[in-house]
N, C-alpha and C. Protein backbone atom coordinates (compact mmCIF):
# COMPACT_ATOMS: atom_id res chain seq x y z
N UNK A 1 91.77 101.96 110.63
CA UNK A 1 92.13 100.18 110.91
C UNK A 1 91.75 99.52 111.83
N UNK A 2 91.00 98.92 112.53
CA UNK A 2 90.57 98.19 113.56
C UNK A 2 91.37 96.57 113.81
N UNK A 3 91.14 95.94 115.01
CA UNK A 3 92.22 95.36 114.98
C UNK A 3 91.99 93.86 113.99
N UNK A 4 90.55 93.75 114.42
CA UNK A 4 89.30 91.94 114.15
C UNK A 4 90.14 92.75 112.28
N UNK A 5 89.95 93.58 111.69
CA UNK A 5 89.73 94.44 110.51
C UNK A 5 90.67 93.74 109.78
N UNK A 6 92.39 94.14 111.16
CA UNK A 6 93.52 94.27 110.29
C UNK A 6 93.46 92.01 110.31
N UNK A 7 93.66 91.57 111.60
CA UNK A 7 93.36 90.24 111.39
C UNK A 7 92.36 89.98 110.59
N UNK A 8 91.44 90.25 109.89
CA UNK A 8 90.92 89.12 108.62
C UNK A 8 91.58 89.90 107.65
N UNK A 9 91.98 90.88 106.49
CA UNK A 9 92.44 90.68 105.95
C UNK A 9 93.59 90.41 105.82
N UNK A 10 94.75 89.96 106.50
CA UNK A 10 95.47 88.99 106.79
C UNK A 10 95.09 87.58 106.54
N UNK A 11 94.44 87.08 107.04
CA UNK A 11 93.58 85.79 106.81
C UNK A 11 93.35 85.38 105.79
N UNK A 12 92.07 86.81 104.85
CA UNK A 12 91.63 86.28 103.66
C UNK A 12 93.17 86.11 102.66
N UNK A 13 94.09 87.43 102.84
CA UNK A 13 95.29 87.30 101.71
C UNK A 13 95.89 86.02 101.84
N UNK A 14 96.13 85.35 103.12
CA UNK A 14 97.28 84.08 103.25
C UNK A 14 96.06 83.05 102.22
N UNK A 15 95.32 83.09 103.07
CA UNK A 15 94.57 82.11 102.32
C UNK A 15 94.10 82.04 100.77
N UNK A 16 94.47 83.59 100.23
CA UNK A 16 94.84 83.55 98.67
C UNK A 16 96.71 83.36 97.85
N UNK A 17 97.14 83.82 98.82
CA UNK A 17 98.42 83.64 98.66
C UNK A 17 99.34 82.34 98.75
N UNK A 18 98.70 81.24 99.97
CA UNK A 18 99.53 80.15 100.33
C UNK A 18 99.70 78.91 99.44
N UNK A 19 98.65 78.81 98.38
CA UNK A 19 98.19 77.41 97.60
C UNK A 19 99.72 77.58 96.48
N UNK A 20 99.64 79.19 95.82
CA UNK A 20 101.17 79.02 94.86
C UNK A 20 102.42 79.18 95.39
N UNK A 21 101.92 79.74 96.60
CA UNK A 21 103.32 80.01 96.95
C UNK A 21 103.85 78.03 97.64
N UNK A 22 103.11 77.32 97.96
CA UNK A 22 102.52 75.77 98.05
C UNK A 22 103.38 74.95 97.29
N UNK A 23 102.51 75.25 96.09
CA UNK A 23 102.91 74.82 94.67
C UNK A 23 104.43 74.77 94.34
N UNK A 24 104.49 76.45 94.48
CA UNK A 24 106.32 76.22 94.00
C UNK A 24 106.96 75.86 94.77
N UNK A 25 107.36 75.30 95.54
CA UNK A 25 107.65 74.97 96.97
C UNK A 25 107.55 73.77 96.38
N UNK A 26 106.58 73.10 96.04
CA UNK A 26 106.68 71.57 95.72
C UNK A 26 107.43 70.91 94.43
N UNK A 27 107.13 71.94 94.13
CA UNK A 27 107.96 71.57 92.79
C UNK A 27 109.16 72.16 91.91
N UNK A 28 109.93 72.99 93.40
CA UNK A 28 110.89 73.13 93.39
C UNK A 28 111.41 74.40 92.79
N UNK A 29 110.21 75.34 92.21
CA UNK A 29 110.60 76.48 91.54
C UNK A 29 111.23 78.35 92.30
N UNK A 30 112.63 77.84 92.45
CA UNK A 30 113.41 79.15 93.18
C UNK A 30 112.37 80.30 92.81
N UNK A 31 112.66 80.79 91.52
CA UNK A 31 112.45 82.37 91.05
C UNK A 31 110.73 81.99 91.30
N UNK A 32 109.93 81.06 91.28
CA UNK A 32 109.06 81.99 91.91
C UNK A 32 108.72 81.78 93.68
N UNK A 33 108.80 81.21 94.14
CA UNK A 33 109.30 81.06 95.41
C UNK A 33 109.81 82.19 95.62
N UNK A 34 110.68 83.18 95.27
CA UNK A 34 110.83 84.15 96.00
C UNK A 34 109.92 85.39 95.43
N UNK A 35 109.92 85.14 94.33
CA UNK A 35 108.84 86.29 94.04
C UNK A 35 107.65 86.17 94.42
N UNK A 36 106.74 85.45 94.85
CA UNK A 36 104.84 84.97 95.84
C UNK A 36 105.89 85.36 97.43
N UNK A 37 106.40 84.95 97.89
CA UNK A 37 107.56 85.61 99.67
C UNK A 37 107.68 86.88 99.34
N UNK A 38 108.18 87.75 98.39
CA UNK A 38 108.29 89.09 97.97
C UNK A 38 107.17 89.39 97.83
N UNK A 39 106.09 89.29 97.65
CA UNK A 39 104.89 90.07 97.32
C UNK A 39 104.15 89.66 98.87
N UNK A 40 104.24 88.31 99.78
CA UNK A 40 103.61 88.76 100.83
C UNK A 40 104.47 89.55 101.48
N UNK A 41 105.97 89.63 101.27
CA UNK A 41 106.09 90.53 102.57
C UNK A 41 106.16 92.18 102.47
N UNK A 42 105.92 92.41 101.13
CA UNK A 42 105.84 94.06 100.54
C UNK A 42 103.62 93.95 101.22
N UNK A 43 103.02 93.24 100.95
CA UNK A 43 102.07 93.35 101.59
C UNK A 43 101.33 93.81 102.75
N UNK A 44 102.18 92.66 103.45
CA UNK A 44 102.44 92.75 104.95
C UNK A 44 102.52 93.64 105.33
N UNK A 45 104.36 94.34 104.74
CA UNK A 45 104.55 95.32 105.31
C UNK A 45 103.63 96.63 105.30
N UNK A 46 103.03 97.00 104.09
CA UNK A 46 102.28 97.90 103.80
C UNK A 46 101.10 97.71 105.03
N UNK A 47 100.42 96.82 104.94
CA UNK A 47 99.53 96.60 105.66
C UNK A 47 99.19 96.52 107.52
N UNK A 48 100.79 96.55 108.05
CA UNK A 48 100.89 96.74 108.69
C UNK A 48 101.24 98.39 108.91
N UNK A 49 102.13 98.73 108.33
CA UNK A 49 102.47 100.17 108.23
C UNK A 49 100.81 101.02 108.92
N UNK A 50 99.62 100.38 107.91
CA UNK A 50 98.74 101.34 107.40
C UNK A 50 97.60 100.97 109.46
N UNK A 51 97.69 100.09 109.65
CA UNK A 51 97.31 99.50 111.17
C UNK A 51 97.79 100.59 111.84
N UNK A 52 99.22 100.83 111.87
CA UNK A 52 99.68 100.88 113.09
C UNK A 52 100.27 102.72 112.53
N UNK A 53 100.31 102.91 111.74
CA UNK A 53 99.57 104.45 111.64
C UNK A 53 98.62 105.12 112.11
N UNK A 54 97.47 104.47 111.53
CA UNK A 54 96.06 104.64 111.91
C UNK A 54 95.66 104.61 113.39
N UNK A 55 96.50 103.44 114.23
CA UNK A 55 96.31 103.32 115.65
C UNK A 55 96.33 104.87 116.21
N UNK A 56 98.05 104.48 115.63
CA UNK A 56 98.95 106.31 116.43
C UNK A 56 97.85 107.42 116.18
N UNK A 57 97.20 107.42 115.57
CA UNK A 57 96.01 108.92 115.66
C UNK A 57 95.21 108.63 116.35
């Protein structure tokens, strides 16, 4: 995974993940905020791990 692809994947994922998160924050749905935030953290962790792992090879 190249750095350009990593940044592009991050931006695209944020574009799709941000609207539900913003809507949940606006409506005050704490449970939804926690679930969406957890999904974002997991996806970023996996993507970053793959980026670092492939870069080390």
